[in-house]
């Protein structure tokens, strides 16, 4: 029982030490980075496919 209470208190301290704005900001920054990476990867794949199609002629 003592271990569960200690863990619960540690979790509460961690949650209260972070402001919600900084957590959300970190999530959105990571999301933007991943989104840009995916867009660049898709554009690269499309350019590769188009170059292969037009190089056959």
N, C-alpha and C. Protein backbone atom coordinates (compact mmCIF):
# COMPACT_ATOMS: atom_id res chain seq x y z
N UNK A 1 0.83 -1.19 0.00
CA UNK A 1 0.00 0.00 0.00
C UNK A 1 0.87 1.25 0.00
N UNK A 2 1.97 1.19 0.72
CA UNK A 2 2.87 2.34 0.81
C UNK A 2 3.51 2.65 -0.54
N UNK A 3 3.84 1.60 -1.31
CA UNK A 3 4.45 1.81 -2.62
C UNK A 3 3.46 2.46 -3.58
N UNK A 4 2.21 2.04 -3.51
CA UNK A 4 1.19 2.63 -4.40
C UNK A 4 0.97 4.10 -4.07
N UNK A 5 0.96 4.41 -2.79
CA UNK A 5 0.77 5.80 -2.38
C UNK A 5 1.96 6.65 -2.81
N UNK A 6 3.16 6.12 -2.67
CA UNK A 6 4.36 6.84 -3.09
C UNK A 6 4.34 7.09 -4.58
N UNK A 7 3.98 6.08 -5.36
CA UNK A 7 3.92 6.23 -6.81
C UNK A 7 2.86 7.26 -7.22
N UNK A 8 1.73 7.23 -6.54
CA UNK A 8 0.67 8.17 -6.84
C UNK A 8 1.10 9.60 -6.54
N UNK A 9 1.78 9.78 -5.43
CA UNK A 9 2.27 11.11 -5.07
C UNK A 9 3.34 11.59 -6.05
N UNK A 10 4.22 10.70 -6.48
CA UNK A 10 5.25 11.06 -7.46
C UNK A 10 4.61 11.46 -8.78
N UNK A 11 3.59 10.72 -9.21
CA UNK A 11 2.87 11.06 -10.43
C UNK A 11 2.20 12.41 -10.31
N UNK A 12 1.62 12.69 -9.18
CA UNK A 12 0.96 13.97 -8.95
C UNK A 12 1.96 15.12 -9.00
N UNK A 13 3.13 14.93 -8.41
CA UNK A 13 4.17 15.97 -8.43
C UNK A 13 4.64 16.21 -9.86
N UNK A 14 4.82 15.15 -10.63
CA UNK A 14 5.27 15.31 -12.02
C UNK A 14 4.21 16.03 -12.84
N UNK A 15 2.95 15.65 -12.67
CA UNK A 15 1.89 16.29 -13.43
C UNK A 15 1.72 17.76 -13.08
N UNK A 16 1.90 18.10 -11.83
CA UNK A 16 1.75 19.49 -11.42
C UNK A 16 2.98 20.33 -11.77
N UNK A 17 4.12 19.71 -11.94
CA UNK A 17 5.32 20.47 -12.26
C UNK A 17 5.33 20.93 -13.71
N UNK A 18 4.62 20.23 -14.59
CA UNK A 18 4.52 20.64 -15.98
C UNK A 18 3.26 21.47 -16.16
N UNK A 19 3.40 22.58 -16.84
CA UNK A 19 2.20 23.33 -17.16
C UNK A 19 1.59 22.71 -18.40
N UNK A 20 0.30 22.79 -18.51
CA UNK A 20 -0.38 22.16 -19.64
C UNK A 20 0.03 22.80 -20.95
N UNK A 21 0.32 24.08 -20.95
CA UNK A 21 0.72 24.76 -22.19
C UNK A 21 2.04 24.21 -22.72
N UNK A 22 2.99 23.96 -21.85
CA UNK A 22 4.27 23.46 -22.33
C UNK A 22 4.15 22.03 -22.86
N UNK A 23 3.28 21.24 -22.27
CA UNK A 23 3.07 19.88 -22.77
C UNK A 23 2.43 19.92 -24.14
N UNK A 24 1.39 20.74 -24.31
CA UNK A 24 0.71 20.85 -25.60
C UNK A 24 1.66 21.42 -26.65
N UNK A 25 2.48 22.38 -26.26
CA UNK A 25 3.45 22.96 -27.19
C UNK A 25 4.41 21.90 -27.71
N UNK A 26 4.87 21.04 -26.82
CA UNK A 26 5.78 19.96 -27.23
C UNK A 26 5.12 18.98 -28.18
N UNK A 27 3.86 18.67 -27.91
CA UNK A 27 3.13 17.75 -28.78
C UNK A 27 2.98 18.35 -30.18
N UNK A 28 2.62 19.63 -30.25
CA UNK A 28 2.43 20.25 -31.55
C UNK A 28 3.74 20.42 -32.30
N UNK A 29 4.82 20.71 -31.60
CA UNK A 29 6.11 20.82 -32.27
C UNK A 29 6.52 19.49 -32.87
N UNK A 30 6.31 18.41 -32.14
CA UNK A 30 6.63 17.08 -32.66
C UNK A 30 5.73 16.75 -33.83
N UNK A 31 4.46 17.12 -33.75
CA UNK A 31 3.52 16.85 -34.83
C UNK A 31 3.88 17.58 -36.10
N UNK A 32 4.32 18.83 -35.97
CA UNK A 32 4.71 19.61 -37.14
C UNK A 32 5.94 18.99 -37.79
N UNK A 33 6.90 18.59 -36.99
CA UNK A 33 8.11 17.97 -37.53
C UNK A 33 7.81 16.69 -38.28
N UNK A 34 6.97 15.85 -37.70
CA UNK A 34 6.61 14.59 -38.34
C UNK A 34 5.81 14.86 -39.61
N UNK A 35 4.91 15.84 -39.57
CA UNK A 35 4.11 16.18 -40.75
C UNK A 35 4.98 16.66 -41.90
N UNK A 36 5.95 17.51 -41.62
CA UNK A 36 6.85 17.99 -42.67
C UNK A 36 7.66 16.83 -43.25
N UNK A 37 8.13 15.95 -42.39
CA UNK A 37 8.89 14.79 -42.87
C UNK A 37 8.05 13.92 -43.79
N UNK A 38 6.80 13.67 -43.43
CA UNK A 38 5.92 12.82 -44.24
C UNK A 38 5.65 13.48 -45.60
N UNK A 39 5.39 14.78 -45.60
CA UNK A 39 5.13 15.48 -46.86
C UNK A 39 6.35 15.41 -47.78
N UNK A 40 7.54 15.63 -47.24
CA UNK A 40 8.75 15.56 -48.05
C UNK A 40 8.96 14.14 -48.58
N UNK A 41 8.71 13.14 -47.75
CA UNK A 41 8.87 11.75 -48.19
C UNK A 41 7.89 11.42 -49.31
N UNK A 42 6.64 11.83 -49.19
CA UNK A 42 5.64 11.55 -50.22
C UNK A 42 6.00 12.26 -51.52
N UNK A 43 6.41 13.53 -51.44
CA UNK A 43 6.81 14.26 -52.65
C UNK A 43 8.02 13.62 -53.33
N UNK A 44 8.95 13.12 -52.54
CA UNK A 44 10.11 12.45 -53.10
C UNK A 44 9.71 11.16 -53.82
N UNK A 45 8.82 10.40 -53.23
CA UNK A 45 8.35 9.16 -53.86
C UNK A 45 7.61 9.47 -55.16
N UNK A 46 6.76 10.49 -55.15
CA UNK A 46 6.03 10.87 -56.36
C UNK A 46 7.00 11.32 -57.45
N UNK A 47 7.99 12.12 -57.10
CA UNK A 47 8.98 12.57 -58.08
C UNK A 47 9.77 11.39 -58.64
N UNK A 48 10.10 10.43 -57.80
CA UNK A 48 10.82 9.24 -58.26
C UNK A 48 9.96 8.44 -59.25
N UNK A 49 8.69 8.24 -58.93
CA UNK A 49 7.79 7.48 -59.82
C UNK A 49 7.61 8.20 -61.15
N UNK A 50 7.41 9.51 -61.09
CA UNK A 50 7.23 10.28 -62.33
C UNK A 50 8.49 10.24 -63.18
N UNK A 51 9.65 10.33 -62.58
CA UNK A 51 10.89 10.28 -63.35
C UNK A 51 11.09 8.91 -63.99
N UNK A 52 10.67 7.86 -63.32
CA UNK A 52 10.79 6.50 -63.90
C UNK A 52 9.81 6.33 -65.05
N UNK A 53 8.62 6.89 -64.92
CA UNK A 53 7.63 6.76 -66.01
C UNK A 53 8.10 7.51 -67.26
N UNK A 54 8.59 8.73 -67.10
CA UNK A 54 8.99 9.54 -68.25
C UNK A 54 10.37 9.16 -68.80
N UNK A 55 11.18 8.43 -68.08
CA UNK A 55 12.48 8.04 -68.60
C UNK A 55 12.39 6.85 -69.54
N UNK A 56 11.27 6.15 -69.57
CA UNK A 56 11.09 5.00 -70.47
C UNK A 56 10.89 5.44 -71.92
N UNK A 57 10.42 6.64 -72.13
CA UNK A 57 10.12 7.09 -73.51
C UNK A 57 11.32 7.51 -74.24
